[in-house]
N, C-alpha and C. Protein backbone atom coordinates (compact mmCIF):
# COMPACT_ATOMS: atom_id res chain seq x y z
N UNK A 1 7.56 -15.37 13.35
CA UNK A 1 6.66 -16.30 13.71
C UNK A 1 5.11 -15.68 13.52
N UNK A 2 5.02 -14.52 13.86
CA UNK A 2 3.83 -13.78 13.81
C UNK A 2 3.29 -13.88 12.38
N UNK A 3 4.20 -13.49 11.59
CA UNK A 3 3.80 -13.33 10.08
C UNK A 3 3.35 -14.75 9.55
N UNK A 4 3.99 -15.91 9.97
CA UNK A 4 3.75 -17.17 9.53
C UNK A 4 2.14 -17.55 9.89
N UNK A 5 1.75 -16.97 11.06
CA UNK A 5 0.47 -17.36 11.53
C UNK A 5 -0.49 -16.75 10.72
N UNK A 6 -0.28 -15.52 10.11
CA UNK A 6 -1.05 -14.69 9.34
C UNK A 6 -1.12 -15.31 7.95
N UNK A 7 -0.01 -15.80 7.45
CA UNK A 7 0.14 -16.55 6.17
C UNK A 7 -0.81 -17.82 6.08
N UNK A 8 -0.72 -18.68 7.23
CA UNK A 8 -1.23 -19.67 7.43
C UNK A 8 -2.83 -19.51 7.62
N UNK A 9 -3.31 -18.71 8.25
CA UNK A 9 -4.87 -18.36 8.40
C UNK A 9 -5.19 -17.88 6.91
N UNK A 10 -4.30 -17.11 6.13
CA UNK A 10 -4.59 -16.66 4.86
C UNK A 10 -4.99 -17.82 3.97
N UNK A 11 -3.83 -18.86 4.00
CA UNK A 11 -3.95 -20.14 2.98
C UNK A 11 -5.22 -20.69 3.40
N UNK A 12 -5.58 -21.00 4.74
CA UNK A 12 -6.80 -21.81 5.04
C UNK A 12 -8.02 -20.99 4.62
N UNK A 13 -8.00 -19.85 4.70
CA UNK A 13 -9.28 -19.07 4.26
C UNK A 13 -9.54 -19.31 2.69
N UNK A 14 -8.31 -18.97 2.04
CA UNK A 14 -8.56 -19.06 0.64
C UNK A 14 -8.76 -20.41 0.21
N UNK A 15 -8.21 -21.41 0.81
CA UNK A 15 -8.46 -22.84 0.52
C UNK A 15 -9.82 -23.19 0.65
N UNK A 16 -10.50 -22.47 2.00
CA UNK A 16 -12.07 -22.82 1.98
C UNK A 16 -12.63 -22.23 0.82
N UNK A 17 -12.28 -21.10 0.33
CA UNK A 17 -13.04 -20.37 -0.46
C UNK A 17 -13.07 -21.16 -1.87
N UNK A 18 -11.89 -21.61 -2.07
CA UNK A 18 -11.46 -22.42 -3.24
C UNK A 18 -12.50 -23.80 -3.32
N UNK A 19 -12.85 -24.38 -2.19
CA UNK A 19 -13.58 -25.48 -2.22
C UNK A 19 -14.96 -25.28 -2.74
N UNK A 20 -15.31 -23.96 -2.31
CA UNK A 20 -16.73 -23.63 -2.81
C UNK A 20 -16.94 -23.24 -4.21
N UNK A 21 -15.76 -23.00 -4.85
CA UNK A 21 -15.76 -22.63 -6.29
C UNK A 21 -15.99 -23.74 -7.29
N UNK A 22 -16.76 -23.56 -8.17
CA UNK A 22 -16.94 -24.62 -9.13
C UNK A 22 -15.66 -24.80 -9.94
N UNK A 23 -15.45 -26.09 -9.99
CA UNK A 23 -14.23 -26.27 -10.83
C UNK A 23 -14.66 -27.59 -11.86
N UNK A 24 -14.07 -27.33 -13.16
CA UNK A 24 -14.33 -28.23 -14.12
C UNK A 24 -13.47 -29.53 -13.95
N UNK A 25 -12.51 -29.53 -12.95
CA UNK A 25 -11.66 -30.58 -12.77
C UNK A 25 -12.18 -31.50 -11.67
N UNK A 26 -11.93 -32.84 -11.88
CA UNK A 26 -12.44 -33.81 -11.00
C UNK A 26 -10.96 -34.38 -10.29
N UNK A 27 -10.14 -33.56 -10.22
CA UNK A 27 -8.96 -34.04 -9.44
C UNK A 27 -9.04 -34.30 -8.22
N UNK A 28 -8.32 -34.91 -7.52
CA UNK A 28 -8.31 -35.32 -6.13
C UNK A 28 -7.27 -34.33 -5.20
N UNK A 29 -7.09 -33.26 -6.07
CA UNK A 29 -6.23 -32.03 -5.36
C UNK A 29 -6.94 -30.66 -5.60
N UNK A 30 -6.69 -29.71 -4.56
CA UNK A 30 -7.15 -28.46 -4.73
C UNK A 30 -6.12 -27.82 -5.17
N UNK A 31 -6.20 -27.11 -6.42
CA UNK A 31 -4.99 -26.34 -7.06
C UNK A 31 -5.05 -24.94 -6.71
N UNK A 32 -3.87 -24.37 -6.01
CA UNK A 32 -3.91 -23.04 -5.65
C UNK A 32 -2.67 -22.36 -6.24
N UNK A 33 -3.18 -21.22 -6.95
CA UNK A 33 -2.26 -20.59 -7.69
C UNK A 33 -1.38 -19.51 -6.64
N UNK A 34 -0.13 -19.64 -6.81
CA UNK A 34 0.58 -18.60 -5.83
C UNK A 34 1.67 -17.96 -6.68
N UNK A 35 1.06 -17.30 -7.77
CA UNK A 35 1.97 -16.68 -8.69
C UNK A 35 2.53 -15.19 -8.42
N UNK A 36 1.71 -14.53 -7.82
CA UNK A 36 1.95 -13.17 -7.46
C UNK A 36 2.78 -12.92 -6.25
N UNK A 37 3.81 -13.58 -6.25
CA UNK A 37 4.78 -13.61 -5.08
C UNK A 37 6.11 -13.43 -5.61
N UNK A 38 6.96 -12.45 -5.15
CA UNK A 38 8.19 -12.08 -5.47
C UNK A 38 9.32 -12.99 -4.93
N UNK A 39 9.99 -13.91 -5.77
CA UNK A 39 11.08 -14.62 -5.46
C UNK A 39 12.45 -13.94 -5.83
N UNK A 40 12.15 -13.12 -6.59
CA UNK A 40 13.34 -12.17 -7.16
C UNK A 40 12.86 -10.75 -7.19
N UNK A 41 13.84 -9.89 -7.36
CA UNK A 41 13.40 -8.57 -7.47
C UNK A 41 13.31 -7.74 -5.82
N UNK A 42 12.64 -6.70 -5.85
CA UNK A 42 12.60 -5.84 -4.85
C UNK A 42 11.84 -6.38 -3.63
N UNK A 43 11.00 -7.27 -3.81
CA UNK A 43 10.19 -7.86 -2.64
C UNK A 43 10.58 -9.25 -2.57
N UNK A 44 11.74 -9.76 -2.94
CA UNK A 44 12.08 -11.22 -2.72
C UNK A 44 12.17 -11.58 -1.34
N UNK A 45 12.60 -10.88 -0.34
CA UNK A 45 12.73 -11.27 0.93
C UNK A 45 11.19 -11.66 1.49
N UNK A 46 10.25 -10.89 1.19
CA UNK A 46 8.78 -11.27 1.43
C UNK A 46 8.47 -12.31 0.78
N UNK A 47 8.59 -12.51 -0.60
CA UNK A 47 7.86 -13.43 -1.30
C UNK A 47 8.43 -14.90 -0.93
N UNK A 48 9.76 -15.05 -0.66
CA UNK A 48 10.31 -16.45 -0.24
C UNK A 48 9.76 -16.78 0.92
N UNK A 49 9.46 -15.93 1.99
CA UNK A 49 8.97 -16.21 3.26
C UNK A 49 7.52 -16.79 3.10
N UNK A 50 6.80 -16.10 2.05
CA UNK A 50 5.39 -16.45 1.93
C UNK A 50 5.22 -17.57 1.14
N UNK A 51 6.03 -18.02 0.28
CA UNK A 51 6.15 -19.18 -0.54
C UNK A 51 6.24 -20.39 0.64
N UNK A 52 7.33 -20.15 1.32
CA UNK A 52 7.57 -21.33 2.42
C UNK A 52 6.74 -21.57 3.43
N UNK A 53 6.04 -20.38 3.70
CA UNK A 53 5.01 -20.60 4.75
C UNK A 53 3.78 -21.16 4.30
N UNK A 54 3.29 -20.90 2.94
CA UNK A 54 2.28 -21.43 2.22
C UNK A 54 2.59 -22.92 1.95
N UNK A 55 3.75 -23.35 1.69
CA UNK A 55 4.18 -24.56 1.61
C UNK A 55 3.91 -25.43 2.87
N UNK A 56 4.49 -24.91 3.81
CA UNK A 56 4.39 -25.45 5.24
C UNK A 56 2.75 -25.71 5.60
N UNK A 57 2.01 -24.72 5.42
CA UNK A 57 0.57 -25.02 5.82
C UNK A 57 0.00 -25.98 4.80
N UNK A 58 0.30 -26.20 3.45
CA UNK A 58 -0.27 -27.07 2.74
C UNK A 58 0.29 -28.48 3.09
N UNK A 59 1.44 -28.68 3.50
CA UNK A 59 2.14 -29.86 3.84
C UNK A 59 1.39 -30.26 5.08
N UNK A 60 1.19 -29.43 6.16
CA UNK A 60 0.43 -29.78 7.33
C UNK A 60 -0.93 -30.30 7.00
N UNK A 61 -1.68 -29.52 6.09
CA UNK A 61 -2.97 -29.94 5.94
C UNK A 61 -3.06 -31.15 5.12
N UNK A 62 -2.16 -31.49 4.18
CA UNK A 62 -2.11 -32.65 3.49
C UNK A 62 -1.89 -33.75 4.34
N UNK A 63 -0.85 -33.68 5.38
CA UNK A 63 -0.51 -34.76 6.22
C UNK A 63 -1.63 -35.05 7.14
N UNK A 64 -2.60 -34.19 7.41
CA UNK A 64 -3.91 -34.56 8.27
C UNK A 64 -5.03 -34.91 7.51
N UNK A 65 -4.84 -35.39 6.17
CA UNK A 65 -5.86 -35.87 5.31
C UNK A 65 -6.39 -34.88 4.29
N UNK A 66 -5.80 -33.73 4.30
CA UNK A 66 -6.24 -32.74 3.24
C UNK A 66 -7.63 -31.99 3.64
N UNK A 67 -8.43 -31.47 2.64
CA UNK A 67 -9.58 -30.86 3.02
C UNK A 67 -10.53 -31.78 2.21
N UNK A 68 -11.44 -32.27 2.98
CA UNK A 68 -12.56 -33.05 2.39
C UNK A 68 -11.97 -34.40 1.51
N UNK A 69 -10.85 -34.75 1.95
CA UNK A 69 -9.98 -35.95 1.41
C UNK A 69 -9.19 -35.40 0.12
N UNK A 70 -9.19 -34.19 -0.15
CA UNK A 70 -8.29 -33.54 -1.25
C UNK A 70 -7.04 -32.91 -0.74
N UNK A 71 -6.17 -33.25 -1.49
CA UNK A 71 -4.72 -32.48 -1.08
C UNK A 71 -4.59 -31.16 -1.70
N UNK A 72 -3.89 -30.39 -0.99
CA UNK A 72 -3.51 -29.10 -1.61
C UNK A 72 -2.30 -28.96 -2.51
N UNK A 73 -2.40 -28.52 -3.53
CA UNK A 73 -1.16 -28.41 -4.26
C UNK A 73 -0.99 -26.86 -4.84
N UNK A 74 0.29 -26.46 -4.52
CA UNK A 74 0.61 -25.09 -4.65
C UNK A 74 1.32 -25.02 -6.04
N UNK A 75 1.07 -23.64 -6.81
CA UNK A 75 1.86 -23.56 -7.93
C UNK A 75 2.43 -22.28 -7.84
N UNK A 76 3.51 -22.10 -7.19
CA UNK A 76 4.32 -20.77 -7.10
C UNK A 76 5.09 -20.38 -8.33
N UNK A 77 4.76 -19.20 -8.75
CA UNK A 77 5.58 -18.44 -10.00
C UNK A 77 6.13 -17.22 -9.61
N UNK A 78 7.09 -16.77 -9.94
CA UNK A 78 7.83 -15.68 -9.68
C UNK A 78 7.26 -14.34 -10.43
N UNK A 79 7.00 -13.27 -9.79
CA UNK A 79 6.55 -12.13 -10.53
C UNK A 79 7.59 -11.18 -10.40
N UNK A 80 8.87 -11.31 -10.01
CA UNK A 80 10.04 -10.45 -9.88
C UNK A 80 9.65 -9.09 -9.36
N UNK A 81 8.62 -8.81 -8.82
CA UNK A 81 8.19 -7.65 -8.17
C UNK A 81 7.81 -6.77 -9.40
N UNK A 82 7.46 -7.15 -10.49
CA UNK A 82 7.09 -6.31 -11.55
C UNK A 82 5.60 -6.75 -12.26
N UNK A 83 4.60 -5.63 -12.43
CA UNK A 83 3.24 -5.91 -12.86
C UNK A 83 3.20 -6.83 -14.37
N UNK A 84 4.12 -6.48 -15.09
CA UNK A 84 4.13 -7.05 -16.44
C UNK A 84 4.50 -8.55 -16.31
N UNK A 85 5.45 -8.72 -15.46
CA UNK A 85 5.72 -10.26 -15.16
C UNK A 85 4.78 -11.03 -14.44
N UNK A 86 4.11 -10.31 -13.41
CA UNK A 86 2.92 -10.87 -12.67
C UNK A 86 1.81 -11.22 -13.67
N UNK A 87 1.55 -10.32 -14.79
CA UNK A 87 0.62 -10.49 -15.64
C UNK A 87 0.86 -11.95 -16.57
N UNK A 88 2.20 -11.82 -16.90
CA UNK A 88 2.57 -13.14 -17.65
C UNK A 88 2.31 -14.50 -16.90
N UNK A 89 2.73 -14.35 -15.59
CA UNK A 89 2.71 -15.53 -14.70
C UNK A 89 1.42 -15.85 -14.55
N UNK A 90 0.35 -14.88 -14.51
CA UNK A 90 -0.93 -15.31 -14.13
C UNK A 90 -1.70 -15.85 -15.37
N UNK A 91 -1.34 -15.39 -16.63
CA UNK A 91 -1.72 -16.05 -17.86
C UNK A 91 -1.25 -17.42 -18.02
N UNK A 92 0.05 -17.79 -17.59
CA UNK A 92 0.56 -19.06 -17.63
C UNK A 92 -0.31 -19.92 -16.77
N UNK A 93 -0.38 -19.49 -15.45
CA UNK A 93 -1.14 -20.26 -14.48
C UNK A 93 -2.65 -20.70 -14.93
N UNK A 94 -3.29 -19.60 -15.55
CA UNK A 94 -4.65 -19.93 -15.97
C UNK A 94 -4.52 -20.97 -17.18
N UNK A 95 -3.55 -20.82 -18.04
CA UNK A 95 -3.58 -21.64 -19.19
C UNK A 95 -3.09 -23.20 -18.84
N UNK A 96 -2.26 -23.26 -17.84
CA UNK A 96 -1.49 -24.59 -17.59
C UNK A 96 -2.15 -25.18 -16.45
N UNK A 97 -2.47 -24.51 -15.33
CA UNK A 97 -2.77 -25.18 -14.17
C UNK A 97 -4.37 -25.25 -13.73
N UNK A 98 -4.88 -24.04 -14.12
CA UNK A 98 -6.34 -23.82 -13.77
C UNK A 98 -6.61 -23.92 -12.35
N UNK A 99 -6.10 -23.05 -11.42
CA UNK A 99 -6.24 -23.19 -9.89
C UNK A 99 -7.79 -22.75 -9.63
N UNK A 100 -8.21 -23.15 -8.42
CA UNK A 100 -9.46 -22.66 -7.80
C UNK A 100 -9.34 -21.55 -7.08
N UNK A 101 -8.23 -21.10 -6.67
CA UNK A 101 -8.08 -19.82 -5.72
C UNK A 101 -6.72 -19.25 -6.17
N UNK A 102 -6.24 -18.04 -5.78
CA UNK A 102 -5.06 -17.40 -6.13
C UNK A 102 -4.70 -16.65 -4.85
N UNK A 103 -3.38 -16.91 -4.44
CA UNK A 103 -2.76 -16.22 -3.34
C UNK A 103 -1.93 -15.12 -3.86
N UNK A 104 -2.20 -14.01 -3.28
CA UNK A 104 -1.47 -12.74 -3.75
C UNK A 104 -2.50 -11.71 -4.15
N UNK A 105 -1.85 -10.49 -4.63
CA UNK A 105 -0.59 -10.29 -4.81
C UNK A 105 0.23 -9.44 -3.65
N UNK A 106 1.45 -9.56 -3.69
CA UNK A 106 2.24 -8.67 -2.72
C UNK A 106 2.04 -7.23 -2.71
N UNK A 107 2.18 -6.83 -3.99
CA UNK A 107 2.24 -5.36 -4.19
C UNK A 107 1.06 -4.91 -5.04
N UNK A 108 0.64 -3.61 -4.75
CA UNK A 108 -0.59 -3.12 -5.33
C UNK A 108 -0.38 -3.09 -6.99
N UNK A 109 0.66 -2.70 -7.60
CA UNK A 109 0.95 -2.74 -9.05
C UNK A 109 0.71 -4.14 -9.44
N UNK A 110 1.09 -5.16 -8.70
CA UNK A 110 0.86 -6.51 -9.26
C UNK A 110 -0.63 -6.90 -9.06
N UNK A 111 -1.17 -6.60 -8.01
CA UNK A 111 -2.43 -7.02 -7.91
C UNK A 111 -3.50 -6.23 -9.10
N UNK A 112 -3.14 -4.95 -9.30
CA UNK A 112 -3.88 -4.36 -10.22
C UNK A 112 -3.80 -4.98 -11.74
N UNK A 113 -2.53 -5.47 -11.79
CA UNK A 113 -2.15 -5.92 -13.18
C UNK A 113 -2.99 -7.38 -13.35
N UNK A 114 -3.08 -8.18 -12.45
CA UNK A 114 -3.72 -9.36 -12.53
C UNK A 114 -5.20 -9.63 -12.14
N UNK A 115 -5.71 -8.62 -11.45
CA UNK A 115 -7.11 -8.59 -10.92
C UNK A 115 -8.03 -8.79 -12.13
N UNK A 116 -8.07 -7.99 -13.20
CA UNK A 116 -8.99 -8.29 -14.23
C UNK A 116 -8.90 -9.74 -14.73
N UNK A 117 -7.85 -10.35 -14.91
CA UNK A 117 -7.85 -11.86 -15.30
C UNK A 117 -8.54 -12.81 -14.13
N UNK A 118 -8.29 -12.38 -13.02
CA UNK A 118 -8.93 -13.22 -11.80
C UNK A 118 -10.32 -13.08 -11.89
N UNK A 119 -10.72 -11.73 -12.06
CA UNK A 119 -12.22 -11.60 -12.14
C UNK A 119 -13.02 -12.24 -13.36
N UNK A 120 -12.27 -12.20 -14.50
CA UNK A 120 -12.67 -12.68 -15.68
C UNK A 120 -12.97 -14.29 -15.70
N UNK A 121 -11.96 -14.76 -14.88
CA UNK A 121 -12.07 -16.32 -14.70
C UNK A 121 -12.78 -16.59 -13.55
N UNK A 122 -13.27 -15.89 -12.66
CA UNK A 122 -13.99 -16.01 -11.57
C UNK A 122 -13.26 -16.91 -10.40
N UNK A 123 -11.97 -16.48 -10.35
CA UNK A 123 -10.81 -16.82 -9.44
C UNK A 123 -10.67 -16.02 -8.27
N UNK A 124 -11.17 -16.38 -7.08
CA UNK A 124 -10.98 -15.47 -5.88
C UNK A 124 -9.25 -15.16 -5.73
N UNK A 125 -9.25 -14.02 -5.30
CA UNK A 125 -7.82 -13.58 -5.27
C UNK A 125 -7.47 -13.04 -3.81
């Protein structure tokens, strides 16, 4: 339960950061990439809890009207606890979803792999 509180606070902070970011989209949703989370591999037990907690937080925020009237939409993709897969997932997320903020990464190797792309795309990580 203690970890859930930390994840919920983390999601809320990153969502608020994402609102301040300029977005070329005029959607009625706030797109949050959650790609650098391990659903398989060595860190799967952590990643599955993080994905579920983030979705719970998004559902609660959306049920109460969203943020400034916008709903939160999460885009979780598995990094399998491997930097090269995290990088591929990050590229897919940037090309297909164009989120305003990124949750993660779980592991330092995965963070180092995706950080240059996050910086290049001015995506808070």
